[in-house]
Every structure is written in C-alpha cells, then in structure tokens.
Amino acid sequence: MKDNEWVNYPIIRVIPSSDPIIALTFDDGPDQEYTPKVLDIVKQYGVSATFFCLGSQVVKNPHVAVQLVADGHQIANHTWTHPHAADVSTSELLREIAKTADIIETITTIRTRWFRPPFGEITKAQLSAIVEWGYQVVLWTVDSLDWSGLTGPQIVERVLPSLANGVILLSHCAGNVNGVLDALPHLIEAALDMGYRFVRLDEV
C-alpha cells in the first residue's frame, strides 16, 4: 500500500513537534551481544531510547530486558517471531503481540502499549484490531539501514542530513549491526551539538 493511502490511519511516523527532539528506536532485541553495547553507548551520553523487543528474544535474555528498563528506556512490542504481515492472520498477529506483552510484563512489570510491526508491514484489518486493543502503532521517519550491512560512516552519512524536529530514527540492536555501534556515538554527538534532545516515544 502506498504511503498516501495510510494518511487517515493512526500510525505514528514522526513526532508532531516544533521542538528540537529526536526519538532513537531500536528493533529486534534484546540480544546478548549488541543490545548491551547499545545500552552502554546511550548511557554514556545520558540519552533515552525506545526498544521494540521480540518476545522470543526477551525470554532468552531476560536480564538485558530488565537492564534496559532499569536504565530508563522504554520497552515496546515487536511481536514474538517477527512475521511478515501477509503471512499471518489478524488473530495470529494479535496472539503474537499478546504473548510478547505477557512475557515483557512478567519479566519487567511493564505492560507495553506501543507496537511496531515487523518490516513496517501491516494490513488495515490488523491495524484496526491492534488500535482497538489500545496500542500506539509506530513506524519511523528515517531508516538507518543498519540491517543491510552499512558501515558506521555510511550510516552517519545517510542519517545526519535527515535530522529534523520530531524525527523517529529506526536502528537495530540485534543481528549483524556492527555499523550502528560505530555510527551511534557520532550521531548522538552531532545531534546534541545541533541542539536536539533525545526522547522516549511515551514521553511525547
């Protein structure tokens, strides 16, 4: 579906703000290799982020999920198995979301109400049902493409010119994402120097 066909649907792609704020978001964690390193970097700069977590990863790495919440970050829902929307029915997707919400709550005591569909794919029926459940559905403004194997400098070159008020930046904290570990300090420093403030999605 073309972007303009979603105009009247409740999907957040950008934070509606005239203030110089940016939301860092990280998908597909938590894992034991990259997520802790991402947490170390953002902690170093004292900035907050939102982590869209897979239930299957949370159950494998509960201590990392607990740590990201303890560090003051927002934990959010990214399904259990990361399916393509076309491959699952609405009821199947809702079960994945519910199962993930349950394990996140069991481990962190946080009941998630923010959801990002895997691959950014979602049908109208799925979206309507998820919103009816009380979820905020979030996509992104800028994709770092870290998942594609870009190097740190390539990610910085891609993202930096796109920074603007209310940008939601998509990155990943699991998988082969060495590039984002290299790029993140440079992006944070540059954004702070430009006067931007980093926020969790649930803060705005």
C-alpha atoms as a PDB file:
ATOM      1  CA  MET A   1       0.000   0.000   0.000  1.00  0.00           C
ATOM      2  CA  LYS A   2       1.252   3.452  -0.888  1.00  0.00           C
ATOM      3  CA  ASP A   3       2.151   5.848   1.924  1.00  0.00           C
ATOM      4  CA  ASN A   4      -0.552   8.343   0.985  1.00  0.00           C
ATOM      5  CA  GLU A   5      -3.233   5.672   1.394  1.00  0.00           C
ATOM      6  CA  TRP A   6      -2.408   5.499   5.127  1.00  0.00           C
ATOM      7  CA  VAL A   7      -2.898   9.190   5.801  1.00  0.00           C
ATOM      8  CA  ASN A   8      -6.132   8.731   7.747  1.00  0.00           C
ATOM      9  CA  TYR A   9      -4.910   5.715   9.723  1.00  0.00           C
ATOM     10  CA  PRO A  10      -3.476   6.001  13.262  1.00  0.00           C
ATOM     11  CA  ILE A  11       0.169   5.198  12.546  1.00  0.00           C
ATOM     12  CA  ILE A  12       2.902   7.365  14.046  1.00  0.00           C
ATOM     13  CA  ARG A  13       5.713   8.096  11.589  1.00  0.00           C
ATOM     14  CA  VAL A  14       7.006  11.313  13.092  1.00  0.00           C
ATOM     15  CA  ILE A  15       6.581  13.122  16.405  1.00  0.00           C
ATOM     16  CA  PRO A  16       4.358  16.155  15.789  1.00  0.00           C
ATOM     17  CA  SER A  17       6.518  18.741  17.487  1.00  0.00           C
ATOM     18  CA  SER A  18       8.151  22.056  16.695  1.00  0.00           C
ATOM     19  CA  ASP A  19      10.686  21.363  19.442  1.00  0.00           C
ATOM     20  CA  PRO A  20      14.143  20.029  18.544  1.00  0.00           C
ATOM     21  CA  ILE A  21      13.537  16.452  19.656  1.00  0.00           C
ATOM     22  CA  ILE A  22      14.536  13.093  18.184  1.00  0.00           C
ATOM     23  CA  ALA A  23      13.448   9.574  19.132  1.00  0.00           C
ATOM     24  CA  LEU A  24      16.050   6.832  18.914  1.00  0.00           C
ATOM     25  CA  THR A  25      14.369   3.458  18.383  1.00  0.00           C
ATOM     26  CA  PHE A  26      15.971   0.021  18.250  1.00  0.00           C
ATOM     27  CA  ASP A  27      14.314  -3.133  16.932  1.00  0.00           C
ATOM     28  CA  ASP A  28      14.739  -6.911  17.258  1.00  0.00           C
ATOM     29  CA  GLY A  29      16.440  -7.181  20.655  1.00  0.00           C
ATOM     30  CA  PRO A  30      17.299  -7.808  23.280  1.00  0.00           C
ATOM     31  CA  ASP A  31      20.303  -9.996  22.499  1.00  0.00           C
ATOM     32  CA  GLN A  32      23.470 -10.655  24.482  1.00  0.00           C
ATOM     33  CA  GLU A  33      25.928  -9.121  22.037  1.00  0.00           C
ATOM     34  CA  TYR A  34      24.678  -5.869  20.538  1.00  0.00           C
ATOM     35  CA  THR A  35      21.943  -4.669  22.913  1.00  0.00           C
ATOM     36  CA  PRO A  36      24.273  -4.294  25.927  1.00  0.00           C
ATOM     37  CA  LYS A  37      26.711  -2.320  23.762  1.00  0.00           C
ATOM     38  CA  VAL A  38      23.913  -0.030  22.565  1.00  0.00           C
ATOM     39  CA  LEU A  39      22.854   0.453  26.186  1.00  0.00           C
ATOM     40  CA  ASP A  40      26.417   1.364  27.142  1.00  0.00           C
ATOM     41  CA  ILE A  41      26.637   3.966  24.370  1.00  0.00           C
ATOM     42  CA  VAL A  42      23.359   5.737  25.140  1.00  0.00           C
ATOM     43  CA  LYS A  43      24.151   5.631  28.863  1.00  0.00           C
ATOM     44  CA  GLN A  44      27.480   7.317  28.170  1.00  0.00           C
ATOM     45  CA  TYR A  45      25.634  10.245  26.607  1.00  0.00           C
ATOM     46  CA  GLY A  46      22.741  10.261  29.060  1.00  0.00           C
ATOM     47  CA  VAL A  47      20.070   9.856  26.377  1.00  0.00           C
ATOM     48  CA  SER A  48      16.905   7.765  26.368  1.00  0.00           C
ATOM     49  CA  ALA A  49      15.606   5.445  23.662  1.00  0.00           C
ATOM     50  CA  THR A  50      12.729   3.128  22.816  1.00  0.00           C
ATOM     51  CA  PHE A  51      13.398  -0.581  22.261  1.00  0.00           C
ATOM     52  CA  PHE A  52      10.884  -2.568  20.212  1.00  0.00           C
ATOM     53  CA  CYS A  53      11.555  -6.063  21.521  1.00  0.00           C
ATOM     54  CA  LEU A  54      10.749  -9.536  20.254  1.00  0.00           C
ATOM     55  CA  GLY A  55       9.136 -11.782  22.827  1.00  0.00           C
ATOM     56  CA  SER A  56      11.340 -14.679  21.721  1.00  0.00           C
ATOM     57  CA  GLN A  57      14.412 -12.560  22.495  1.00  0.00           C
ATOM     58  CA  VAL A  58      13.086 -11.296  25.824  1.00  0.00           C
ATOM     59  CA  VAL A  59      12.566 -14.835  27.086  1.00  0.00           C
ATOM     60  CA  LYS A  60      16.130 -15.761  26.056  1.00  0.00           C
ATOM     61  CA  ASN A  61      17.735 -12.635  27.513  1.00  0.00           C
ATOM     62  CA  PRO A  62      15.572 -11.500  30.418  1.00  0.00           C
ATOM     63  CA  HIS A  63      18.454  -9.798  32.221  1.00  0.00           C
ATOM     64  CA  VAL A  64      19.033  -7.479  29.246  1.00  0.00           C
ATOM     65  CA  ALA A  65      15.342  -6.567  29.119  1.00  0.00           C
ATOM     66  CA  VAL A  66      15.433  -5.780  32.827  1.00  0.00           C
ATOM     67  CA  GLN A  67      18.578  -3.697  32.350  1.00  0.00           C
ATOM     68  CA  LEU A  68      17.167  -1.527  29.576  1.00  0.00           C
ATOM     69  CA  VAL A  69      14.130  -0.723  31.706  1.00  0.00           C
ATOM     70  CA  ALA A  70      16.325  -0.069  34.745  1.00  0.00           C
ATOM     71  CA  ASP A  71      18.394   2.312  32.630  1.00  0.00           C
ATOM     72  CA  GLY A  72      15.272   4.383  31.979  1.00  0.00           C
ATOM     73  CA  HIS A  73      14.469   3.297  28.437  1.00  0.00           C
ATOM     74  CA  GLN A  74      11.052   2.463  27.022  1.00  0.00           C
ATOM     75  CA  ILE A  75      10.373  -1.185  26.209  1.00  0.00           C
ATOM     76  CA  ALA A  76       7.835  -1.815  23.466  1.00  0.00           C
ATOM     77  CA  ASN A  77       6.310  -4.667  21.459  1.00  0.00           C
ATOM     78  CA  HIS A  78       7.648  -6.038  18.156  1.00  0.00           C
ATOM     79  CA  THR A  79       5.804  -9.430  18.096  1.00  0.00           C
ATOM     80  CA  TRP A  80       7.165 -12.821  19.100  1.00  0.00           C
ATOM     81  CA  THR A  81       8.591 -14.212  15.836  1.00  0.00           C
ATOM     82  CA  HIS A  82       8.930 -11.140  13.548  1.00  0.00           C
ATOM     83  CA  PRO A  83       6.500 -12.338  10.854  1.00  0.00           C
ATOM     84  CA  HIS A  84       5.568 -10.651   7.596  1.00  0.00           C
ATOM     85  CA  ALA A  85       2.042  -9.235   7.870  1.00  0.00           C
ATOM     86  CA  ALA A  86       0.907 -11.120   4.776  1.00  0.00           C
ATOM     87  CA  ASP A  87       1.983 -14.422   6.318  1.00  0.00           C
ATOM     88  CA  VAL A  88      -0.244 -14.216   9.401  1.00  0.00           C
ATOM     89  CA  SER A  89      -3.921 -13.596  10.013  1.00  0.00           C
ATOM     90  CA  THR A  90      -5.115 -10.773  12.236  1.00  0.00           C
ATOM     91  CA  SER A  91      -5.829 -13.219  15.047  1.00  0.00           C
ATOM     92  CA  GLU A  92      -2.374 -14.771  14.719  1.00  0.00           C
ATOM     93  CA  LEU A  93      -0.709 -11.367  14.874  1.00  0.00           C
ATOM     94  CA  LEU A  94      -2.748 -10.431  17.941  1.00  0.00           C
ATOM     95  CA  ARG A  95      -1.648 -13.654  19.632  1.00  0.00           C
ATOM     96  CA  GLU A  96       1.989 -12.775  18.905  1.00  0.00           C
ATOM     97  CA  ILE A  97       1.514  -9.317  20.377  1.00  0.00           C
ATOM     98  CA  ALA A  98      -0.302 -10.647  23.448  1.00  0.00           C
ATOM     99  CA  LYS A  99       2.314 -13.332  24.075  1.00  0.00           C
ATOM    100  CA  THR A 100       5.087 -10.757  23.813  1.00  0.00           C
ATOM    101  CA  ALA A 101       3.252  -8.303  26.067  1.00  0.00           C
ATOM    102  CA  ASP A 102       2.782 -11.044  28.662  1.00  0.00           C
ATOM    103  CA  ILE A 103       6.452 -12.071  28.772  1.00  0.00           C
ATOM    104  CA  ILE A 104       7.627  -8.454  28.886  1.00  0.00           C
ATOM    105  CA  GLU A 105       5.260  -7.767  31.788  1.00  0.00           C
ATOM    106  CA  THR A 106       6.311 -10.929  33.606  1.00  0.00           C
ATOM    107  CA  ILE A 107       9.997 -10.050  33.351  1.00  0.00           C
ATOM    108  CA  THR A 108       9.939  -6.239  33.655  1.00  0.00           C
ATOM    109  CA  THR A 109       6.492  -5.493  35.208  1.00  0.00           C
ATOM    110  CA  ILE A 110       5.872  -3.131  32.260  1.00  0.00           C
ATOM    111  CA  ARG A 111       2.701  -3.641  30.203  1.00  0.00           C
ATOM    112  CA  THR A 112       3.583  -2.484  26.711  1.00  0.00           C
ATOM    113  CA  ARG A 113       1.160  -0.276  24.776  1.00  0.00           C
ATOM    114  CA  TRP A 114       3.437   0.690  21.901  1.00  0.00           C
ATOM    115  CA  PHE A 115       3.855  -1.569  18.877  1.00  0.00           C
ATOM    116  CA  ARG A 116       5.980  -1.594  15.736  1.00  0.00           C
ATOM    117  CA  PRO A 117       5.038  -4.098  13.024  1.00  0.00           C
ATOM    118  CA  PRO A 118       7.962  -6.160  11.691  1.00  0.00           C
ATOM    119  CA  PHE A 119       9.294  -4.879   8.367  1.00  0.00           C
ATOM    120  CA  GLY A 120       6.886  -1.947   8.770  1.00  0.00           C
ATOM    121  CA  GLU A 121       4.182  -4.140   7.235  1.00  0.00           C
ATOM    122  CA  ILE A 122       0.592  -4.170   8.448  1.00  0.00           C
ATOM    123  CA  THR A 123      -2.840  -4.636   6.894  1.00  0.00           C
ATOM    124  CA  LYS A 124      -5.813  -2.373   7.558  1.00  0.00           C
ATOM    125  CA  ALA A 125      -7.590  -5.178   9.427  1.00  0.00           C
ATOM    126  CA  GLN A 126      -4.546  -5.837  11.596  1.00  0.00           C
ATOM    127  CA  LEU A 127      -4.067  -2.157  12.302  1.00  0.00           C
ATOM    128  CA  SER A 128      -7.703  -1.647  13.272  1.00  0.00           C
ATOM    129  CA  ALA A 129      -7.609  -4.592  15.666  1.00  0.00           C
ATOM    130  CA  ILE A 130      -4.339  -3.501  17.276  1.00  0.00           C
ATOM    131  CA  VAL A 131      -5.549   0.066  17.772  1.00  0.00           C
ATOM    132  CA  GLU A 132      -8.790  -1.294  19.223  1.00  0.00           C
ATOM    133  CA  TRP A 133      -6.644  -3.089  21.786  1.00  0.00           C
ATOM    134  CA  GLY A 134      -5.302   0.289  22.858  1.00  0.00           C
ATOM    135  CA  TYR A 135      -1.897   0.207  21.180  1.00  0.00           C
ATOM    136  CA  GLN A 136       0.004   3.082  19.603  1.00  0.00           C
ATOM    137  CA  VAL A 137       1.377   1.803  16.282  1.00  0.00           C
ATOM    138  CA  VAL A 138       4.734   3.296  15.335  1.00  0.00           C
ATOM    139  CA  LEU A 139       6.803   3.200  12.165  1.00  0.00           C
ATOM    140  CA  TRP A 140       9.681   5.628  11.589  1.00  0.00           C
ATOM    141  CA  THR A 141      10.805   8.763   9.811  1.00  0.00           C
ATOM    142  CA  VAL A 142      14.366   7.715   8.929  1.00  0.00           C
ATOM    143  CA  ASP A 143      15.679   4.169   8.448  1.00  0.00           C
ATOM    144  CA  SER A 144      19.381   3.886   9.235  1.00  0.00           C
ATOM    145  CA  LEU A 145      19.568   0.737   7.068  1.00  0.00           C
ATOM    146  CA  ASP A 146      21.994  -0.706   9.624  1.00  0.00           C
ATOM    147  CA  TRP A 147      20.435  -4.118   8.964  1.00  0.00           C
ATOM    148  CA  SER A 148      21.768  -4.023   5.394  1.00  0.00           C
ATOM    149  CA  GLY A 149      25.407  -4.121   6.443  1.00  0.00           C
ATOM    150  CA  LEU A 150      26.203  -0.421   6.074  1.00  0.00           C
ATOM    151  CA  THR A 151      29.339   0.729   7.850  1.00  0.00           C
ATOM    152  CA  GLY A 152      29.289   3.338  10.594  1.00  0.00           C
ATOM    153  CA  PRO A 153      30.384   6.200   8.303  1.00  0.00           C
ATOM    154  CA  GLN A 154      27.782   5.166   5.713  1.00  0.00           C
ATOM    155  CA  ILE A 155      25.041   5.240   8.349  1.00  0.00           C
ATOM    156  CA  VAL A 156      26.146   8.665   9.586  1.00  0.00           C
ATOM    157  CA  GLU A 157      26.199   9.989   6.025  1.00  0.00           C
ATOM    158  CA  ARG A 158      22.691   8.647   5.461  1.00  0.00           C
ATOM    159  CA  VAL A 159      21.083   9.784   8.717  1.00  0.00           C
ATOM    160  CA  LEU A 160      22.690  13.103   9.610  1.00  0.00           C
ATOM    161  CA  PRO A 161      21.212  15.187   6.755  1.00  0.00           C
ATOM    162  CA  SER A 162      17.751  13.830   7.612  1.00  0.00           C
ATOM    163  CA  LEU A 163      17.679  15.015  11.218  1.00  0.00           C
ATOM    164  CA  ALA A 164      14.783  17.366  11.914  1.00  0.00           C
ATOM    165  CA  ASN A 165      12.312  18.163  14.676  1.00  0.00           C
ATOM    166  CA  GLY A 166      10.305  15.079  15.607  1.00  0.00           C
ATOM    167  CA  VAL A 167      12.315  12.533  13.629  1.00  0.00           C
ATOM    168  CA  ILE A 168      11.922   8.885  14.671  1.00  0.00           C
ATOM    169  CA  LEU A 169      15.130   7.041  13.797  1.00  0.00           C
ATOM    170  CA  LEU A 170      14.983   3.299  13.130  1.00  0.00           C
ATOM    171  CA  SER A 171      18.025   1.236  14.089  1.00  0.00           C
ATOM    172  CA  HIS A 172      18.545  -2.297  15.387  1.00  0.00           C
ATOM    173  CA  CYS A 173      20.162  -3.746  18.489  1.00  0.00           C
ATOM    174  CA  ALA A 174      20.388  -7.369  17.394  1.00  0.00           C
ATOM    175  CA  GLY A 175      21.685  -9.184  14.348  1.00  0.00           C
ATOM    176  CA  ASN A 176      24.794  -8.203  12.423  1.00  0.00           C
ATOM    177  CA  VAL A 177      24.670  -4.486  13.169  1.00  0.00           C
ATOM    178  CA  ASN A 178      28.268  -3.508  13.834  1.00  0.00           C
ATOM    179  CA  GLY A 179      27.669  -0.382  11.764  1.00  0.00           C
ATOM    180  CA  VAL A 180      25.218   1.101  14.222  1.00  0.00           C
ATOM    181  CA  LEU A 181      27.679   0.669  17.088  1.00  0.00           C
ATOM    182  CA  ASP A 182      30.211   2.721  15.139  1.00  0.00           C
ATOM    183  CA  ALA A 183      27.676   5.313  13.979  1.00  0.00           C
ATOM    184  CA  LEU A 184      25.719   5.882  17.182  1.00  0.00           C
ATOM    185  CA  PRO A 185      28.281   7.982  19.118  1.00  0.00           C
ATOM    186  CA  HIS A 186      28.845  10.244  16.107  1.00  0.00           C
ATOM    187  CA  LEU A 187      25.099  10.682  15.505  1.00  0.00           C
ATOM    188  CA  ILE A 188      24.354  11.429  19.149  1.00  0.00           C
ATOM    189  CA  GLU A 189      27.213  13.928  19.455  1.00  0.00           C
ATOM    190  CA  ALA A 190      26.241  15.681  16.225  1.00  0.00           C
ATOM    191  CA  ALA A 191      22.564  15.877  17.206  1.00  0.00           C
ATOM    192  CA  LEU A 192      23.377  17.229  20.665  1.00  0.00           C
ATOM    193  CA  ASP A 193      25.691  19.818  19.136  1.00  0.00           C
ATOM    194  CA  MET A 194      22.799  20.862  16.854  1.00  0.00           C
ATOM    195  CA  GLY A 195      20.575  21.386  19.897  1.00  0.00           C
ATOM    196  CA  TYR A 196      18.429  18.276  19.661  1.00  0.00           C
ATOM    197  CA  ARG A 197      17.107  16.439  22.713  1.00  0.00           C
ATOM    198  CA  PHE A 198      16.517  12.679  22.677  1.00  0.00           C
ATOM    199  CA  VAL A 199      13.177  11.402  23.961  1.00  0.00           C
ATOM    200  CA  ARG A 200      11.330   8.158  24.534  1.00  0.00           C
ATOM    201  CA  LEU A 201       8.212   7.834  22.436  1.00  0.00           C
ATOM    202  CA  ASP A 202       5.996   7.600  25.511  1.00  0.00           C
ATOM    203  CA  GLU A 203       7.326  10.972  26.716  1.00  0.00           C
ATOM    204  CA  VAL A 204       5.646  12.771  23.835  1.00  0.00           C
END
